[in-house]
C-alpha atoms as a PDB file:
ATOM      1  CA  MET A   1      -0.017  -0.096   0.226  1.00  0.00           C
ATOM      2  CA  GLU A   2       2.924   2.268   1.282  1.00  0.00           C
ATOM      3  CA  SER A   3       4.050   1.996  -3.056  1.00  0.00           C
ATOM      4  CA  ILE A   4       0.430   3.340  -4.367  1.00  0.00           C
ATOM      5  CA  ASN A   5       0.422   5.994  -1.821  1.00  0.00           C
ATOM      6  CA  ARG A   6       4.147   7.106  -2.948  1.00  0.00           C
ATOM      7  CA  LEU A   7       2.404   6.812  -6.362  1.00  0.00           C
ATOM      8  CA  THR A   8      -0.433   8.380  -6.242  1.00  0.00           C
ATOM      9  CA  TYR A   9       1.708  11.395  -4.142  1.00  0.00           C
ATOM     10  CA  LYS A  10       4.053  11.325  -7.425  1.00  0.00           C
ATOM     11  CA  ILE A  11       1.394  12.072 -10.214  1.00  0.00           C
ATOM     12  CA  ASP A  12      -0.438  13.779  -8.126  1.00  0.00           C
ATOM     13  CA  GLN A  13       2.892  16.077  -8.332  1.00  0.00           C
ATOM     14  CA  TYR A  14       2.718  16.210 -11.850  1.00  0.00           C
ATOM     15  CA  GLY A  15      -0.950  18.023 -11.420  1.00  0.00           C
ATOM     16  CA  THR A  16       0.931  21.465 -10.003  1.00  0.00           C
ATOM     17  CA  GLY A  17       1.674  22.643 -12.749  1.00  0.00           C
ATOM     18  CA  ILE A  18       5.728  21.402 -12.579  1.00  0.00           C
ATOM     19  CA  GLU A  19       7.972  21.053 -15.248  1.00  0.00           C
ATOM     20  CA  TRP A  20       7.601  17.027 -16.687  1.00  0.00           C
ATOM     21  CA  GLY A  21      10.974  17.472 -17.551  1.00  0.00           C
ATOM     22  CA  THR A  22      12.317  14.948 -19.835  1.00  0.00           C
ATOM     23  CA  GLN A  23      10.792  11.074 -20.884  1.00  0.00           C
ATOM     24  CA  ALA A  24      14.073   9.741 -18.571  1.00  0.00           C
ATOM     25  CA  ASP A  25      13.484  12.297 -16.041  1.00  0.00           C
ATOM     26  CA  VAL A  26       9.770  10.630 -16.033  1.00  0.00           C
ATOM     27  CA  LYS A  27      11.535   7.714 -15.806  1.00  0.00           C
ATOM     28  CA  ALA A  28      13.840   8.263 -12.762  1.00  0.00           C
ATOM     29  CA  ASN A  29      10.143   9.561 -11.182  1.00  0.00           C
ATOM     30  CA  LEU A  30       7.723   6.773 -12.267  1.00  0.00           C
ATOM     31  CA  TRP A  31       8.909   3.856 -13.404  1.00  0.00           C
ATOM     32  CA  SER A  32      10.036   2.141 -10.025  1.00  0.00           C
ATOM     33  CA  ASP A  33       6.605   2.606  -8.043  1.00  0.00           C
ATOM     34  CA  LEU A  34       4.141   1.678 -11.584  1.00  0.00           C
ATOM     35  CA  ASP A  35       6.679  -1.519 -12.053  1.00  0.00           C
ATOM     36  CA  ASN A  36       6.333  -2.834  -8.356  1.00  0.00           C
ATOM     37  CA  LEU A  37       2.434  -2.144  -9.063  1.00  0.00           C
ATOM     38  CA  ARG A  38       2.443  -3.851 -12.429  1.00  0.00           C
ATOM     39  CA  ASN A  39       3.860  -6.946 -11.110  1.00  0.00           C
ATOM     40  CA  ASN A  40       1.795  -6.606  -8.210  1.00  0.00           C
ATOM     41  CA  ASN A  41      -0.149 -10.229  -7.313  1.00  0.00           C
ATOM     42  CA  ASN A  42      -2.628  -7.786  -5.293  1.00  0.00           C
ATOM     43  CA  LEU A  43      -2.433  -5.659  -7.785  1.00  0.00           C
ATOM     44  CA  ASN A  44      -6.821  -6.948  -8.668  1.00  0.00           C
ATOM     45  CA  ASN A  45      -6.801  -5.506  -4.748  1.00  0.00           C
ATOM     46  CA  LEU A  46      -4.779  -1.939  -5.309  1.00  0.00           C
ATOM     47  CA  LEU A  47      -6.879  -0.755  -7.730  1.00  0.00           C
ATOM     48  CA  ASN A  48      -9.633  -1.112  -5.959  1.00  0.00           C
ATOM     49  CA  GLY A  49     -11.083   2.467  -5.705  1.00  0.00           C
ATOM     50  CA  TRP A  50      -7.557   3.897  -6.764  1.00  0.00           C
ATOM     51  CA  LYS A  51      -8.066   7.485  -8.377  1.00  0.00           C
ATOM     52  CA  TYR A  52      -6.256   6.753 -11.328  1.00  0.00           C
ATOM     53  CA  LYS A  53      -6.924   3.130 -12.093  1.00  0.00           C
ATOM     54  CA  ASP A  54      -8.790   3.476 -15.857  1.00  0.00           C
ATOM     55  CA  ALA A  55      -5.489   5.893 -16.381  1.00  0.00           C
ATOM     56  CA  PHE A  56      -2.790   3.002 -15.673  1.00  0.00           C
ATOM     57  CA  GLU A  57      -5.302   0.246 -17.091  1.00  0.00           C
ATOM     58  CA  THR A  58      -5.319   1.842 -19.882  1.00  0.00           C
ATOM     59  CA  THR A  59      -1.631   1.797 -20.068  1.00  0.00           C
ATOM     60  CA  LEU A  60      -0.867  -1.620 -19.921  1.00  0.00           C
ATOM     61  CA  LEU A  61      -3.597  -2.143 -22.887  1.00  0.00           C
ATOM     62  CA  TRP A  62      -1.412   0.446 -24.701  1.00  0.00           C
ATOM     63  CA  HIS A  63       1.718  -1.437 -23.830  1.00  0.00           C
ATOM     64  CA  GLU A  64       0.918  -5.397 -24.467  1.00  0.00           C
ATOM     65  CA  ASN A  65       2.694  -7.904 -25.674  1.00  0.00           C
ATOM     66  CA  GLY A  66       5.999  -5.393 -25.644  1.00  0.00           C
ATOM     67  CA  ARG A  67       3.222  -2.563 -27.941  1.00  0.00           C
ATOM     68  CA  LYS A  68       3.901   1.173 -26.830  1.00  0.00           C
ATOM     69  CA  THR A  69       2.486   3.689 -26.844  1.00  0.00           C
ATOM     70  CA  PHE A  70       5.960   6.545 -28.091  1.00  0.00           C
ATOM     71  CA  ASN A  71       7.544   4.126 -29.821  1.00  0.00           C
ATOM     72  CA  LEU A  72      10.297   6.379 -30.009  1.00  0.00           C
ATOM     73  CA  MET A  73      10.992   5.996 -25.947  1.00  0.00           C
ATOM     74  CA  ASP A  74      12.475   2.325 -24.830  1.00  0.00           C
ATOM     75  CA  TRP A  75       9.215   0.680 -23.824  1.00  0.00           C
ATOM     76  CA  GLU A  76       9.504   1.889 -19.890  1.00  0.00           C
ATOM     77  CA  SER A  77       9.743   5.282 -20.882  1.00  0.00           C
ATOM     78  CA  SER A  78       6.645   5.292 -22.585  1.00  0.00           C
ATOM     79  CA  PHE A  79       4.801   3.354 -19.601  1.00  0.00           C
ATOM     80  CA  ALA A  80       5.946   6.316 -16.746  1.00  0.00           C
ATOM     81  CA  VAL A  81       4.839   8.665 -20.076  1.00  0.00           C
ATOM     82  CA  GLY A  82       1.287   7.029 -21.224  1.00  0.00           C
ATOM     83  CA  MET A  83      -0.204   6.895 -16.613  1.00  0.00           C
ATOM     84  CA  LEU A  84       0.851  10.961 -16.987  1.00  0.00           C
ATOM     85  CA  PHE A  85      -0.915  11.465 -20.544  1.00  0.00           C
ATOM     86  CA  ALA A  86      -3.089   9.431 -20.189  1.00  0.00           C
ATOM     87  CA  ILE A  87      -4.297  11.301 -16.658  1.00  0.00           C
ATOM     88  CA  TYR A  88      -3.087  14.816 -17.601  1.00  0.00           C
ATOM     89  CA  HIS A  89      -4.575  15.185 -21.418  1.00  0.00           C
END
């Protein structure tokens, strides 16, 4: 639960008007927590009621089987940036 709370806080900060930085910055900030959530054995319970559940599930779909939302980025960067785009664009 701690990692989802930390991830929520980090994602919320992007909505405050701060600069996102580069794709590498977004990956460095979010990827570890996103990957931990993605691979959590208790994923469905963690997502239940989470404010970013729909964006996360959409991002998962966009990145199934090695696909990427942003083809010029590595997969992890595409996932992290894609998550923010699902929320803020």
